[in-house]
Amino acid sequence: MSHPFRTLDHADVAGKRVLLRVDLNVPTENGRVTDKTRIERVAPTIDEIARKGGKVILLAHFGRPKGGPDEANSLRPVAAAVAEVVKRPVAFAADCIGRTAQDAIAKMKNGDVLLLENTRFHKGEEKNDPEHVDALAKLGDIYVNDAFSAAHRAHASTEGIARKLPAYAGRAMQAELEALAIALGTPQRPVAAIVGGAKVSTKLDLLGNLINKVDVLIIGGGMANTFLFAEGKAVGRSLCEKDLAETARSILAAAKASKRRITLPVDATVAKELKAHAPMRVADVDHVAGDEMILDIGPKSVVAVEEILGQIKTLVWNGPFGAFETPPFEAATMQIAKTAGFLTREGKLKSIAGGGDTVSALNQAGVGGQFTYVSAAGGAFLEWMEGKALPGVEALRAK
């Protein structure tokens, strides 16, 4: 597909110093990386630049240091994990700008990989300070951004530097942008969005944007309770943002006005307490008792969602249907995830999902690998779905 963004296809990296922004904010325990998923995502870009004879200079942040070097937030232990994944030696420099970085880069041969220390050890990083941007830009000939997950922040290493050097999207960034184009850019219709999770308040911008983009909006999770309450249903002791009832009604009205379909649960799995294997029952949404909580959507609602999945071409999913971490309240999310995975494998559906809870729910259902694309970029994925321009992505647009 043709791209509004410059990618590695347009870059000549041989013999060049390539500043490659990656997300290495990986979980560690006692100086060992416990989950290498984020490294695996950027490995193809590192490998491709090295194979083509570029000098790969990795820029990354780690944790939230207080604007100065601290041992706990050093990237040094991560260098070994990167080397394991990319099967190449990875050198480390104890600073990301200045003499220390310059000397380490001067020693590099074509195809070498070097990791620079945490970009956030400098206050200028998050301020996108022009002097800091210049100090970074001096280290490279070209810039490649492969960290979509940090693209919603206009920091020196994600946005400022892209304005100073020839800038390109890495392969992971490119895959993410292609998936998002499939989801909401130029999707095959009809398109449905599943929006779940606990609260309407965190998803207002998302709902507002999706109402104009999708044909069907399927609402689940705790946030569905607010909509049910707004329609005059008794929700007992369920999680519910009663102060947002008016907002929920205006979203329902906007959907009606623009001929979009909104689907709310018709039945629910209810219990008197949220704990594993608590006594539960299935109730129609009109018959939730005062001492009960809605903790998952019920079987009739699941069938209704599965029917919609059978009629659409594109699915965007953000947020679970119930309290999926606590059995038996994972049932609906698991069932619907498996159905979406099956339809995707059969070639009947393009499925794009994102957000931390959604990713772990799909993995729990064993279908993470069956979806067309699963985005690991929580905040950036959500802001894109809300229709916001991401500074780190905008900086890569083909001029």
Protein backbone atom coordinates (compact mmCIF):
# COMPACT_ATOMS: atom_id res chain seq x y z
CA MET A 1 0.00 0.00 0.00
CA SER A 2 1.24 3.54 -0.65
CA HIS A 3 2.28 5.41 2.46
CA PRO A 4 1.87 8.92 3.70
CA PHE A 5 4.95 8.04 5.82
CA ARG A 6 8.59 7.56 4.91
CA THR A 7 9.75 4.04 5.77
CA LEU A 8 13.03 2.13 5.66
CA ASP A 9 12.25 1.43 1.99
CA HIS A 10 13.13 5.06 1.32
CA ALA A 11 16.32 5.14 3.41
CA ASP A 12 19.91 4.45 2.39
CA VAL A 13 21.54 3.29 5.62
CA ALA A 14 24.83 1.78 4.40
CA GLY A 15 27.78 3.41 6.16
CA LYS A 16 25.45 5.82 7.97
CA ARG A 17 25.06 6.49 11.69
CA VAL A 18 21.41 5.57 12.23
CA LEU A 19 19.73 6.87 15.39
CA LEU A 20 17.01 4.29 16.01
CA ARG A 21 14.36 5.17 18.63
CA VAL A 22 12.98 1.99 20.19
CA ASP A 23 10.79 1.09 23.17
CA LEU A 24 12.96 -0.86 25.62
CA ASN A 25 10.78 -0.08 28.64
CA VAL A 26 10.79 -3.78 29.52
CA PRO A 27 10.01 -5.38 32.89
CA THR A 28 13.13 -6.38 34.84
CA GLU A 29 13.84 -8.22 38.09
CA ASN A 30 17.22 -8.03 39.83
CA GLY A 31 18.83 -6.65 36.67
CA ARG A 32 17.37 -9.36 34.39
CA VAL A 33 14.76 -8.72 31.70
CA THR A 34 11.69 -10.86 32.48
CA ASP A 35 9.70 -10.18 29.29
CA LYS A 36 11.45 -9.56 25.96
CA THR A 37 8.31 -8.90 23.87
CA ARG A 38 9.17 -5.24 23.22
CA ILE A 39 12.71 -6.15 22.16
CA GLU A 40 11.35 -8.84 19.81
CA ARG A 41 9.09 -6.26 18.15
CA VAL A 42 12.01 -4.01 17.18
CA ALA A 43 14.53 -6.78 16.41
CA PRO A 44 13.67 -6.94 12.66
CA THR A 45 14.43 -3.21 12.25
CA ILE A 46 17.73 -3.49 14.17
CA ASP A 47 18.68 -6.52 12.10
CA GLU A 48 17.75 -4.97 8.76
CA ILE A 49 19.77 -1.78 9.36
CA ALA A 50 22.78 -3.79 10.57
CA ARG A 51 22.58 -6.18 7.60
CA LYS A 52 22.46 -3.24 5.21
CA GLY A 53 25.66 -1.87 6.77
CA GLY A 54 24.25 0.90 8.91
CA LYS A 55 25.62 1.71 12.37
CA VAL A 56 22.66 1.05 14.67
CA ILE A 57 22.57 3.54 17.57
CA LEU A 58 19.66 2.72 19.88
CA LEU A 59 17.84 5.51 21.71
CA ALA A 60 15.36 4.54 24.42
CA HIS A 61 13.87 5.66 27.72
CA PHE A 62 13.45 3.46 30.77
CA GLY A 63 11.13 4.07 33.72
CA ARG A 64 10.54 7.55 35.09
CA PRO A 65 13.86 8.83 36.43
CA LYS A 66 13.73 12.18 38.22
CA GLY A 67 15.79 14.00 35.58
CA GLY A 68 19.21 12.64 36.46
CA PRO A 69 21.14 9.37 36.27
CA ASP A 70 20.05 6.71 38.75
CA GLU A 71 21.18 3.10 38.86
CA ALA A 72 17.65 1.67 39.08
CA ASN A 73 16.69 3.23 35.74
CA SER A 74 19.88 2.44 33.81
CA LEU A 75 19.50 0.67 30.47
CA ARG A 76 22.83 -1.13 30.94
CA PRO A 77 21.28 -4.52 31.88
CA VAL A 78 18.93 -4.29 28.86
CA ALA A 79 21.87 -4.29 26.40
CA ALA A 80 22.53 -7.98 27.14
CA ALA A 81 18.87 -8.88 26.53
CA VAL A 82 18.89 -6.99 23.20
CA ALA A 83 22.06 -8.88 22.19
CA GLU A 84 20.35 -12.21 22.98
CA VAL A 85 17.31 -11.38 20.86
CA VAL A 86 19.12 -9.89 17.84
CA LYS A 87 21.96 -12.44 18.04
CA ARG A 88 24.59 -9.70 17.66
CA PRO A 89 26.94 -8.02 20.15
CA VAL A 90 25.39 -4.85 21.59
CA ALA A 91 27.77 -2.25 23.04
CA PHE A 92 26.63 0.22 25.71
CA ALA A 93 27.46 3.89 26.27
CA ALA A 94 26.86 5.40 29.73
CA ASP A 95 25.30 8.60 28.32
CA CYS A 96 23.05 9.41 25.35
CA ILE A 97 24.75 12.69 24.38
CA GLY A 98 28.13 14.40 24.67
CA ARG A 99 31.66 13.02 24.69
CA THR A 100 30.78 9.57 26.12
CA ALA A 101 28.24 8.90 23.35
CA GLN A 102 30.42 10.45 20.62
CA ASP A 103 33.45 8.33 21.53
CA ALA A 104 31.42 5.11 21.56
CA ILE A 105 29.93 5.93 18.14
CA ALA A 106 33.36 6.81 16.70
CA LYS A 107 34.48 3.24 17.49
CA MET A 108 31.59 1.63 15.56
CA LYS A 109 32.02 -0.30 12.35
CA ASN A 110 29.27 -0.76 9.76
CA GLY A 111 26.73 -3.28 11.07
CA ASP A 112 27.58 -2.65 14.75
CA VAL A 113 24.87 -2.08 17.37
CA LEU A 114 25.23 0.37 20.28
CA LEU A 115 22.71 1.14 23.02
CA LEU A 116 22.87 4.63 24.53
CA GLU A 117 21.88 5.28 28.15
CA ASN A 118 18.32 6.29 29.16
CA THR A 119 17.28 9.44 27.25
CA ARG A 120 15.25 10.58 30.28
CA PHE A 121 18.41 11.04 32.39
CA HIS A 122 18.41 14.52 30.77
CA LYS A 123 15.70 17.02 31.66
CA GLY A 124 15.75 18.27 28.04
CA GLU A 125 14.28 14.97 26.77
CA GLU A 126 10.71 15.38 28.00
CA LYS A 127 10.83 19.16 27.50
CA ASN A 128 11.86 18.61 23.84
CA ASP A 129 14.53 21.24 24.54
CA PRO A 130 16.19 22.49 21.30
CA GLU A 131 19.72 22.27 22.75
CA HIS A 132 19.14 18.67 23.80
CA VAL A 133 17.66 17.88 20.38
CA ASP A 134 20.79 19.33 18.72
CA ALA A 135 23.05 17.27 21.00
CA LEU A 136 21.19 14.10 19.93
CA ALA A 137 21.00 15.00 16.22
CA LYS A 138 24.78 15.57 16.14
CA LEU A 139 25.28 11.84 16.82
CA GLY A 140 23.59 10.55 13.66
CA ASP A 141 23.13 10.95 9.93
CA ILE A 142 19.58 9.67 9.79
CA TYR A 143 16.78 8.98 12.28
CA VAL A 144 14.45 5.98 12.37
CA ASN A 145 11.51 5.79 14.80
CA ASP A 146 10.33 2.28 15.70
CA ALA A 147 8.60 3.22 18.97
CA PHE A 148 4.92 3.81 18.20
CA SER A 149 4.21 3.34 21.92
CA ALA A 150 6.08 6.59 22.67
CA ALA A 151 4.80 8.48 19.61
CA HIS A 152 2.06 10.34 21.51
CA ARG A 153 4.72 12.25 23.46
CA ALA A 154 6.50 15.18 21.80
CA HIS A 155 9.90 14.47 23.38
CA ALA A 156 13.38 15.19 22.04
CA SER A 157 14.07 11.58 20.98
CA THR A 158 10.58 10.94 19.56
CA GLU A 159 9.74 14.20 17.79
CA GLY A 160 12.37 16.93 18.02
CA ILE A 161 15.12 14.92 16.37
CA ALA A 162 12.81 13.89 13.49
CA ARG A 163 12.67 17.56 12.51
CA LYS A 164 16.49 17.79 12.38
CA LEU A 165 17.53 14.66 10.46
CA PRO A 166 16.06 12.71 7.53
CA ALA A 167 13.40 10.67 9.41
CA TYR A 168 11.81 7.29 8.65
CA ALA A 169 9.43 4.78 10.25
CA GLY A 170 11.00 1.49 11.32
CA ARG A 171 9.31 -1.83 10.50
CA ALA A 172 7.37 -2.15 13.79
CA MET A 173 6.14 1.46 13.48
CA GLN A 174 5.21 0.78 9.85
CA ALA A 175 3.23 -2.36 10.80
CA GLU A 176 1.38 -0.40 13.47
CA LEU A 177 0.50 2.44 11.07
CA GLU A 178 -0.66 -0.06 8.42
CA ALA A 179 -2.85 -1.84 10.99
CA LEU A 180 -4.37 1.43 12.15
CA ALA A 181 -5.15 2.36 8.54
CA ILE A 182 -6.97 -0.98 8.18
CA ALA A 183 -8.89 -0.24 11.39
CA LEU A 184 -10.04 3.34 10.92
CA GLY A 185 -8.19 4.92 8.00
CA THR A 186 -9.72 3.16 5.01
CA PRO A 187 -11.48 0.16 6.56
CA GLN A 188 -13.56 -2.44 4.78
CA ARG A 189 -17.15 -1.88 5.86
CA PRO A 190 -19.16 -2.62 7.87
CA VAL A 191 -16.90 -1.76 10.83
CA ALA A 192 -17.71 -2.53 14.45
CA ALA A 193 -15.89 -1.31 17.53
CA ILE A 194 -15.96 -3.07 20.88
CA VAL A 195 -15.36 -0.55 23.65
CA GLY A 196 -15.19 -2.02 27.13
CA GLY A 197 -13.32 -1.45 30.35
CA ALA A 198 -14.33 0.01 33.66
CA LYS A 199 -15.18 3.65 33.06
CA VAL A 200 -16.94 5.83 30.52
CA SER A 201 -14.92 8.81 31.78
CA THR A 202 -11.63 7.44 30.37
CA LYS A 203 -13.27 6.58 27.02
CA LEU A 204 -15.29 9.72 26.25
CA ASP A 205 -12.97 10.96 23.49
CA LEU A 206 -12.81 7.44 22.05
CA LEU A 207 -16.60 7.07 21.93
CA GLY A 208 -16.96 10.54 20.42
CA ASN A 209 -14.54 9.71 17.60
CA LEU A 210 -15.83 6.18 16.93
CA ILE A 211 -19.46 7.31 16.62
CA ASN A 212 -18.42 9.06 13.39
CA LYS A 213 -16.21 6.23 12.13
CA VAL A 214 -17.90 2.88 12.76
CA ASP A 215 -21.19 1.30 11.76
CA VAL A 216 -21.76 -0.54 15.04
CA LEU A 217 -20.56 0.36 18.52
CA ILE A 218 -20.60 -2.53 20.99
CA ILE A 219 -20.35 -1.36 24.60
CA GLY A 220 -19.29 -3.75 27.38
CA GLY A 221 -17.46 -3.78 30.70
CA GLY A 222 -18.22 -1.57 33.67
CA MET A 223 -18.90 1.34 31.33
CA ALA A 224 -21.98 -0.43 29.92
CA ASN A 225 -23.56 -0.09 33.39
CA THR A 226 -23.46 3.69 33.08
CA PHE A 227 -25.34 3.46 29.78
CA LEU A 228 -27.89 1.02 31.27
CA PHE A 229 -28.37 3.38 34.21
CA ALA A 230 -28.80 6.28 31.75
CA GLU A 231 -31.61 4.29 30.11
CA GLY A 232 -33.36 4.03 33.48
CA LYS A 233 -32.28 0.51 34.46
CA ALA A 234 -31.48 -0.37 38.07
CA VAL A 235 -27.84 -1.52 38.26
CA GLY A 236 -27.70 -2.41 41.98
CA ARG A 237 -24.19 -2.11 43.42
CA SER A 238 -22.49 -2.28 40.00
CA LEU A 239 -19.60 -0.02 39.07
CA CYS A 240 -21.45 2.93 37.51
CA GLU A 241 -20.64 6.60 36.89
CA LYS A 242 -24.05 8.07 37.66
CA ASP A 243 -22.83 11.63 37.09
CA LEU A 244 -22.18 10.70 33.44
CA ALA A 245 -25.74 9.54 32.70
CA GLU A 246 -26.48 12.73 30.73
CA THR A 247 -23.27 12.23 28.70
CA ALA A 248 -24.22 8.62 27.98
CA ARG A 249 -27.66 9.75 26.77
CA SER A 250 -26.06 12.31 24.43
CA ILE A 251 -23.78 9.60 22.98
CA LEU A 252 -26.83 7.38 22.37
CA ALA A 253 -28.65 10.31 20.74
CA ALA A 254 -25.65 11.16 18.53
CA ALA A 255 -25.49 7.54 17.37
CA LYS A 256 -29.18 7.55 16.50
CA ALA A 257 -28.88 10.83 14.62
CA SER A 258 -26.00 9.55 12.49
CA LYS A 259 -27.70 6.17 11.92
CA ARG A 260 -25.05 4.24 13.85
CA ARG A 261 -26.04 1.20 15.83
CA ILE A 262 -25.10 0.99 19.53
CA THR A 263 -25.37 -2.40 21.22
CA LEU A 264 -25.69 -2.65 24.99
CA PRO A 265 -25.93 -5.84 27.05
CA VAL A 266 -29.44 -7.33 27.39
CA ASP A 267 -28.44 -9.71 30.17
CA ALA A 268 -25.62 -9.95 32.69
CA THR A 269 -23.75 -12.24 35.01
CA VAL A 270 -24.34 -10.82 38.48
CA ALA A 271 -22.98 -11.58 41.93
CA LYS A 272 -23.04 -10.02 45.40
CA GLU A 273 -19.26 -9.69 45.52
CA LEU A 274 -16.37 -9.55 43.09
CA LYS A 275 -14.25 -12.50 44.05
CA ALA A 276 -13.17 -15.70 42.34
CA HIS A 277 -15.97 -18.27 42.05
CA ALA A 278 -18.43 -16.10 43.98
CA PRO A 279 -22.02 -17.44 43.73
CA MET A 280 -23.46 -15.86 40.59
CA ARG A 281 -26.55 -15.88 38.41
CA VAL A 282 -27.60 -14.66 34.99
CA ALA A 283 -30.18 -11.86 35.01
CA ASP A 284 -31.84 -9.76 32.33
CA VAL A 285 -30.65 -6.16 32.67
CA ASP A 286 -34.14 -5.20 33.85
CA HIS A 287 -33.89 -7.52 36.86
CA VAL A 288 -30.66 -6.76 38.72
CA ALA A 289 -31.30 -6.76 42.48
CA GLY A 290 -30.25 -3.89 44.74
CA ASP A 291 -27.47 -5.91 46.41
CA GLU A 292 -26.06 -7.37 43.15
CA MET A 293 -23.27 -6.24 40.84
CA ILE A 294 -23.06 -6.69 37.08
CA LEU A 295 -19.63 -8.33 36.54
CA ASP A 296 -19.90 -9.66 32.98
CA ILE A 297 -22.34 -9.60 30.07
CA GLY A 298 -24.67 -12.60 29.89
CA PRO A 299 -25.11 -15.40 27.32
CA LYS A 300 -27.85 -13.65 25.25
CA SER A 301 -25.61 -10.59 24.95
CA VAL A 302 -22.68 -12.78 23.86
CA VAL A 303 -24.83 -14.31 21.08
CA ALA A 304 -25.86 -10.82 19.96
CA VAL A 305 -22.21 -9.72 19.73
CA GLU A 306 -21.24 -12.91 17.85
CA GLU A 307 -24.04 -12.26 15.35
CA ILE A 308 -22.61 -8.78 14.70
CA LEU A 309 -19.11 -10.24 14.24
CA GLY A 310 -20.56 -12.53 11.57
CA GLN A 311 -21.94 -9.53 9.63
CA ILE A 312 -18.96 -7.17 9.66
CA LYS A 313 -15.65 -6.95 7.80
CA THR A 314 -13.53 -4.97 10.30
CA LEU A 315 -13.37 -5.07 14.10
CA VAL A 316 -11.60 -2.62 16.40
CA TRP A 317 -11.40 -3.77 20.04
CA ASN A 318 -10.43 -1.78 23.14
CA GLY A 319 -11.48 -3.02 26.58
CA PRO A 320 -12.88 -6.27 28.03
CA PHE A 321 -16.58 -7.17 28.55
CA GLY A 322 -16.32 -8.11 32.22
CA ALA A 323 -14.02 -8.50 35.21
CA PHE A 324 -11.97 -10.98 33.18
CA GLU A 325 -9.18 -11.34 35.77
CA THR A 326 -11.66 -12.99 38.17
CA PRO A 327 -13.33 -16.26 37.10
CA PRO A 328 -16.17 -16.85 36.24
CA PHE A 329 -16.45 -13.25 35.00
CA GLU A 330 -14.06 -13.82 32.08
CA ALA A 331 -16.53 -16.00 30.16
CA ALA A 332 -17.96 -13.42 27.73
CA THR A 333 -14.61 -11.83 26.87
CA MET A 334 -13.03 -15.26 26.23
CA GLN A 335 -15.93 -16.51 24.10
CA ILE A 336 -16.09 -13.36 21.94
CA ALA A 337 -12.29 -13.26 21.60
CA LYS A 338 -12.27 -16.86 20.33
CA THR A 339 -15.04 -16.12 17.83
CA ALA A 340 -13.21 -13.02 16.52
CA GLY A 341 -9.99 -15.06 16.27
CA PHE A 342 -11.77 -17.84 14.36
CA LEU A 343 -13.42 -15.41 11.88
CA THR A 344 -10.06 -13.71 11.33
CA ARG A 345 -8.32 -17.04 10.62
CA GLU A 346 -11.11 -17.91 8.16
CA GLY A 347 -10.38 -14.67 6.28
CA LYS A 348 -13.83 -13.23 7.04
CA LEU A 349 -12.71 -10.48 9.42
CA LYS A 350 -9.91 -7.98 9.89
CA SER A 351 -9.41 -7.61 13.64
CA ILE A 352 -7.34 -4.91 15.32
CA ALA A 353 -7.09 -4.76 19.11
CA GLY A 354 -5.10 -2.70 21.58
CA GLY A 355 -4.74 -1.53 25.17
CA GLY A 356 -3.13 -3.35 28.09
CA ASP A 357 -6.23 -5.12 29.44
CA THR A 358 -7.36 -6.12 25.97
CA VAL A 359 -3.97 -7.61 25.10
CA SER A 360 -3.86 -9.68 28.29
CA ALA A 361 -7.47 -10.84 27.79
CA LEU A 362 -6.74 -11.98 24.22
CA ASN A 363 -3.61 -13.79 25.39
CA GLN A 364 -5.61 -15.41 28.19
CA ALA A 365 -8.08 -16.62 25.53
CA GLY A 366 -5.12 -17.92 23.50
CA VAL A 367 -6.06 -15.87 20.42
CA GLY A 368 -3.53 -13.00 20.52
CA GLY A 369 -1.71 -14.51 17.55
CA GLN A 370 -4.90 -15.00 15.50
CA PHE A 371 -5.94 -11.35 15.28
CA THR A 372 -4.89 -9.30 12.25
CA TYR A 373 -2.97 -7.00 14.61
CA VAL A 374 -2.65 -6.57 18.36
CA SER A 375 -1.15 -3.26 19.45
CA ALA A 376 0.99 -3.29 22.58
CA ALA A 377 1.05 0.53 22.64
CA GLY A 378 -1.52 1.41 25.31
CA GLY A 379 -1.66 5.21 25.45
CA ALA A 380 -0.59 5.84 21.87
CA PHE A 381 -3.11 3.31 20.50
CA LEU A 382 -5.91 4.94 22.49
CA GLU A 383 -4.98 8.48 21.36
CA TRP A 384 -4.90 7.33 17.72
CA MET A 385 -8.33 5.72 18.16
CA GLU A 386 -9.54 9.00 19.69
CA GLY A 387 -8.61 10.69 16.41
CA LYS A 388 -5.70 12.67 17.86
CA ALA A 389 -2.57 13.49 15.87
CA LEU A 390 0.50 11.82 17.41
CA PRO A 391 3.57 14.12 17.32
CA GLY A 392 6.07 11.29 16.74
CA VAL A 393 4.02 9.98 13.80
CA GLU A 394 3.31 13.40 12.28
CA ALA A 395 7.06 14.04 12.14
CA LEU A 396 7.46 11.04 9.79
CA ARG A 397 4.94 12.20 7.21
CA ALA A 398 6.35 12.32 3.69
CA LYS A 399 7.06 15.99 3.07
